C-alpha atoms as a PDB file:
ATOM      1  CA  MET A   1     -13.958   8.075 -12.798  1.00  0.00           C
ATOM      2  CA  LYS A   2     -12.313   4.914 -11.761  1.00  0.00           C
ATOM      3  CA  ARG A   3      -8.954   6.565 -11.932  1.00  0.00           C
ATOM      4  CA  PHE A   4     -10.352   9.368  -9.559  1.00  0.00           C
ATOM      5  CA  ILE A   5     -11.750   6.841  -7.117  1.00  0.00           C
ATOM      6  CA  SER A   6      -8.317   5.089  -7.197  1.00  0.00           C
ATOM      7  CA  ILE A   7      -6.441   8.383  -6.473  1.00  0.00           C
ATOM      8  CA  CYS A   8      -8.784   9.186  -3.702  1.00  0.00           C
ATOM      9  CA  CYS A   9      -8.359   5.822  -1.995  1.00  0.00           C
ATOM     10  CA  ALA A  10      -4.555   6.210  -2.219  1.00  0.00           C
ATOM     11  CA  LEU A  11      -4.766   9.801  -0.786  1.00  0.00           C
ATOM     12  CA  ALA A  12      -7.044   8.530   2.079  1.00  0.00           C
ATOM     13  CA  ALA A  13      -4.632   5.724   2.919  1.00  0.00           C
ATOM     14  CA  LEU A  14      -1.688   8.139   3.072  1.00  0.00           C
ATOM     15  CA  ALA A  15      -3.684  10.561   5.273  1.00  0.00           C
ATOM     16  CA  LEU A  16      -4.624   7.773   7.661  1.00  0.00           C
ATOM     17  CA  MET A  17      -1.064   6.624   7.617  1.00  0.00           C
ATOM     18  CA  ALA A  18       0.130  10.193   8.839  1.00  0.00           C
ATOM     19  CA  LEU A  19      -2.289   9.988  11.861  1.00  0.00           C
ATOM     20  CA  PRO A  20      -0.480   9.208  15.089  1.00  0.00           C
ATOM     21  CA  PHE A  21      -2.566   6.132  15.990  1.00  0.00           C
ATOM     22  CA  GLY A  22      -1.772   3.847  13.027  1.00  0.00           C
ATOM     23  CA  ILE A  23       0.782   1.326  14.698  1.00  0.00           C
ATOM     24  CA  ARG A  24       0.312  -0.011  18.158  1.00  0.00           C
ATOM     25  CA  MET A  25       3.493  -0.900  20.017  1.00  0.00           C
ATOM     26  CA  ASP A  26       3.412  -2.843  23.252  1.00  0.00           C
ATOM     27  CA  PHE A  27       6.223  -2.732  25.926  1.00  0.00           C
ATOM     28  CA  VAL A  28       6.613  -4.718  29.032  1.00  0.00           C
ATOM     29  CA  SER A  29       7.944  -3.123  32.150  1.00  0.00           C
ATOM     30  CA  ASP A  30       9.572  -5.814  34.233  1.00  0.00           C
ATOM     31  CA  PRO A  31       9.765  -9.624  34.080  1.00  0.00           C
ATOM     32  CA  GLY A  32       8.535  -9.570  37.933  1.00  0.00           C
ATOM     33  CA  PRO A  33       5.251 -10.764  39.148  1.00  0.00           C
ATOM     34  CA  PRO A  34       3.300  -7.231  38.599  1.00  0.00           C
ATOM     35  CA  MET A  35       3.888  -7.317  34.829  1.00  0.00           C
ATOM     36  CA  GLU A  36       2.637  -4.228  33.228  1.00  0.00           C
ATOM     37  CA  ILE A  37       2.189  -3.685  29.648  1.00  0.00           C
ATOM     38  CA  ALA A  38       2.588  -0.230  28.221  1.00  0.00           C
ATOM     39  CA  THR A  39       0.979   0.472  24.789  1.00  0.00           C
ATOM     40  CA  PHE A  40       2.228   3.442  22.580  1.00  0.00           C
ATOM     41  CA  HIS A  41       0.846   4.432  19.211  1.00  0.00           C
ATOM     42  CA  THR A  42       2.805   5.948  16.384  1.00  0.00           C
ATOM     43  CA  SER A  43       2.194   6.852  12.683  1.00  0.00           C
ATOM     44  CA  TYR A  44       3.284   4.612   9.775  1.00  0.00           C
ATOM     45  CA  ILE A  45       5.941   7.129   8.834  1.00  0.00           C
ATOM     46  CA  SER A  46       7.452   7.252  12.355  1.00  0.00           C
ATOM     47  CA  MET A  47      11.045   5.986  12.875  1.00  0.00           C
ATOM     48  CA  MET A  48      10.106   4.412  16.240  1.00  0.00           C
ATOM     49  CA  PRO A  49       8.907   1.082  14.663  1.00  0.00           C
ATOM     50  CA  ILE A  50      12.051   0.873  12.604  1.00  0.00           C
ATOM     51  CA  GLY A  51      14.080   1.237  15.830  1.00  0.00           C
ATOM     52  CA  TYR A  52      12.304  -1.887  17.061  1.00  0.00           C
ATOM     53  CA  ALA A  53      12.943  -3.951  13.846  1.00  0.00           C
ATOM     54  CA  ASN A  54       9.436  -3.316  12.402  1.00  0.00           C
ATOM     55  CA  TRP A  55      10.090  -2.155   8.799  1.00  0.00           C
ATOM     56  CA  MET A  56       6.643  -3.097   7.483  1.00  0.00           C
ATOM     57  CA  PRO A  57       4.749   0.137   8.239  1.00  0.00           C
ATOM     58  CA  ILE A  58       7.404   2.460   6.463  1.00  0.00           C
ATOM     59  CA  ILE A  59       7.448  -0.038   3.603  1.00  0.00           C
ATOM     60  CA  THR A  60       3.645   0.107   3.292  1.00  0.00           C
ATOM     61  CA  ALA A  61       3.798   4.000   3.393  1.00  0.00           C
ATOM     62  CA  VAL A  62       6.573   4.252   0.624  1.00  0.00           C
ATOM     63  CA  LEU A  63       4.751   1.801  -1.548  1.00  0.00           C
ATOM     64  CA  THR A  64       1.546   3.584  -1.079  1.00  0.00           C
ATOM     65  CA  LEU A  65       3.175   6.831  -2.193  1.00  0.00           C
ATOM     66  CA  ALA A  66       4.685   4.977  -5.091  1.00  0.00           C
ATOM     67  CA  VAL A  67       1.238   3.804  -6.009  1.00  0.00           C
ATOM     68  CA  LEU A  68      -0.183   7.197  -5.908  1.00  0.00           C
ATOM     69  CA  VAL A  69       2.587   8.528  -8.226  1.00  0.00           C
ATOM     70  CA  LEU A  70       1.819   5.617 -10.555  1.00  0.00           C
ATOM     71  CA  LEU A  71      -1.746   6.352 -10.670  1.00  0.00           C
ATOM     72  CA  VAL A  72      -1.194   9.994 -11.536  1.00  0.00           C
ATOM     73  CA  GLU A  73       1.461   9.087 -14.072  1.00  0.00           C
ATOM     74  CA  GLY A  74      -0.703   6.242 -15.233  1.00  0.00           C
ATOM     75  CA  MET A  75      -3.186   8.746 -16.844  1.00  0.00           C
ATOM     76  CA  LYS A  76      -0.859   8.950 -19.765  1.00  0.00           C
ATOM     77  CA  LYS A  77       0.440   5.396 -19.595  1.00  0.00           C
ATOM     78  CA  ASP A  78      -0.729   1.933 -18.512  1.00  0.00           C
ATOM     79  CA  ARG A  79       0.731   1.210 -15.197  1.00  0.00           C
ATOM     80  CA  LYS A  80      -1.441  -1.733 -14.007  1.00  0.00           C
ATOM     81  CA  ILE A  81       1.162  -4.324 -13.327  1.00  0.00           C
ATOM     82  CA  PRO A  82       3.455  -2.233 -11.094  1.00  0.00           C
ATOM     83  CA  ILE A  83       0.495  -0.819  -9.174  1.00  0.00           C
ATOM     84  CA  CYS A  84      -0.824  -4.213  -8.484  1.00  0.00           C
ATOM     85  CA  ILE A  85       2.630  -5.493  -7.343  1.00  0.00           C
ATOM     86  CA  CYS A  86       2.989  -2.579  -5.047  1.00  0.00           C
ATOM     87  CA  LEU A  87      -0.414  -3.055  -3.570  1.00  0.00           C
ATOM     88  CA  ILE A  88       0.102  -6.902  -3.045  1.00  0.00           C
ATOM     89  CA  VAL A  89       3.444  -6.075  -1.174  1.00  0.00           C
ATOM     90  CA  CYS A  90       1.586  -3.408   0.983  1.00  0.00           C
ATOM     91  CA  ILE A  91      -1.173  -6.068   1.842  1.00  0.00           C
ATOM     92  CA  ALA A  92       1.482  -8.710   2.595  1.00  0.00           C
ATOM     93  CA  ALA A  93       3.549  -6.158   4.778  1.00  0.00           C
ATOM     94  CA  SER A  94       0.314  -5.465   6.738  1.00  0.00           C
ATOM     95  CA  PHE A  95      -0.289  -9.103   7.399  1.00  0.00           C
ATOM     96  CA  VAL A  96       3.443  -9.561   8.515  1.00  0.00           C
ATOM     97  CA  SER A  97       3.345  -6.475  10.757  1.00  0.00           C
ATOM     98  CA  TRP A  98       0.139  -7.683  12.386  1.00  0.00           C
ATOM     99  CA  SER A  99       1.101 -11.172  12.918  1.00  0.00           C
ATOM    100  CA  VAL A 100       4.746 -10.727  14.039  1.00  0.00           C
ATOM    101  CA  PHE A 101       4.556  -7.327  15.930  1.00  0.00           C
ATOM    102  CA  SER A 102       0.906  -7.277  16.943  1.00  0.00           C
ATOM    103  CA  THR A 103       0.390  -3.833  15.480  1.00  0.00           C
ATOM    104  CA  LEU A 104      -3.198  -4.023  14.472  1.00  0.00           C
ATOM    105  CA  THR A 105      -5.275  -0.879  15.036  1.00  0.00           C
ATOM    106  CA  ILE A 106      -8.406   0.295  13.477  1.00  0.00           C
ATOM    107  CA  ILE A 107      -6.603   2.748  11.305  1.00  0.00           C
ATOM    108  CA  GLY A 108      -4.421  -0.106  10.177  1.00  0.00           C
ATOM    109  CA  ALA A 109      -7.425  -2.136   9.278  1.00  0.00           C
ATOM    110  CA  VAL A 110      -8.940   0.716   7.321  1.00  0.00           C
ATOM    111  CA  VAL A 111      -5.631   1.311   5.488  1.00  0.00           C
ATOM    112  CA  PHE A 112      -5.609  -2.433   4.594  1.00  0.00           C
ATOM    113  CA  ALA A 113      -9.196  -2.124   3.315  1.00  0.00           C
ATOM    114  CA  LEU A 114      -8.226   0.848   1.098  1.00  0.00           C
ATOM    115  CA  HIS A 115      -5.340  -1.186  -0.244  1.00  0.00           C
ATOM    116  CA  PHE A 116      -7.478  -4.129  -1.057  1.00  0.00           C
ATOM    117  CA  ALA A 117     -10.059  -1.940  -2.671  1.00  0.00           C
ATOM    118  CA  LEU A 118      -7.392  -0.280  -4.870  1.00  0.00           C
ATOM    119  CA  LEU A 119      -6.087  -3.738  -5.920  1.00  0.00           C
ATOM    120  CA  ALA A 120      -9.675  -4.919  -6.723  1.00  0.00           C
ATOM    121  CA  ILE A 121     -10.251  -1.741  -8.699  1.00  0.00           C
ATOM    122  CA  GLN A 122      -7.137  -2.306 -10.642  1.00  0.00           C
ATOM    123  CA  ILE A 123      -7.672  -5.968 -11.353  1.00  0.00           C
ATOM    124  CA  LEU A 124     -11.331  -5.770 -12.131  1.00  0.00           C
ATOM    125  CA  TYR A 125     -11.823  -2.407 -13.962  1.00  0.00           C
ATOM    126  CA  PHE A 126      -8.738  -1.253 -15.750  1.00  0.00           C
ATOM    127  CA  GLU A 127      -7.910  -2.865 -18.971  1.00  0.00           C
ATOM    128  CA  PRO A 128      -4.326  -2.916 -20.229  1.00  0.00           C
ATOM    129  CA  GLN A 129      -3.517  -0.961 -23.365  1.00  0.00           C
ATOM    130  CA  LYS A 130      -3.353  -2.997 -26.311  1.00  0.00           C
ATOM    131  CA  SER A 131      -0.053  -3.031 -28.163  1.00  0.00           C
ATOM    132  CA  LYS A 132       0.434  -3.331 -31.792  1.00  0.00           C
ATOM    133  CA  THR A 133       0.519  -6.879 -33.166  1.00  0.00           C
ATOM    134  CA  TYR A 134       2.418  -8.172 -35.945  1.00  0.00           C
ATOM    135  CA  ASP A 135      -0.645  -7.727 -38.293  1.00  0.00           C
ATOM    136  CA  SER A 136      -0.935  -4.043 -37.586  1.00  0.00           C
ATOM    137  CA  PHE A 137       2.890  -3.667 -38.241  1.00  0.00           C
ATOM    138  CA  LYS A 138       2.591  -5.640 -41.369  1.00  0.00           C
ATOM    139  CA  ASN A 139      -0.179  -3.256 -42.835  1.00  0.00           C
ATOM    140  CA  ASP A 140       2.178  -0.135 -41.989  1.00  0.00           C
ATOM    141  CA  ARG A 141       4.749  -1.291 -44.530  1.00  0.00           C
ATOM    142  CA  PRO A 142       3.948  -0.040 -47.970  1.00  0.00           C
ATOM    143  CA  TYR A 143       6.852  -1.823 -49.594  1.00  0.00           C
ATOM    144  CA  GLU A 144       5.531  -5.415 -49.264  1.00  0.00           C
END
């Protein structure tokens, strides 16, 4: 059930990132006295923020996709540490994008909350698989 909730959170984050209102970009018209600010909204996977040196949304989108792949693959193997690293980088990239480029929107805040929830689920509820210790290997050897 925890894995299903994690996969649903990652899918919801990816769906929200695909919406065209995820990133806000502000442009100033002229440096003259009637200064006008034009605001445009793009999705996380748009190339427009990259053209203005904001790589953080696309990094967040790619790492969220990587988290989804690791969650689906993790049903067979334990992938807790790579998932946590990807989610920490996603959260940090969101903060950098908000503070440097002023790109905060409601969709961005919900994506951040979903990443934080995924990280909390990974840290609190998933136990790493136990590896064999020296004692268990010692018992497997019949010749000693």
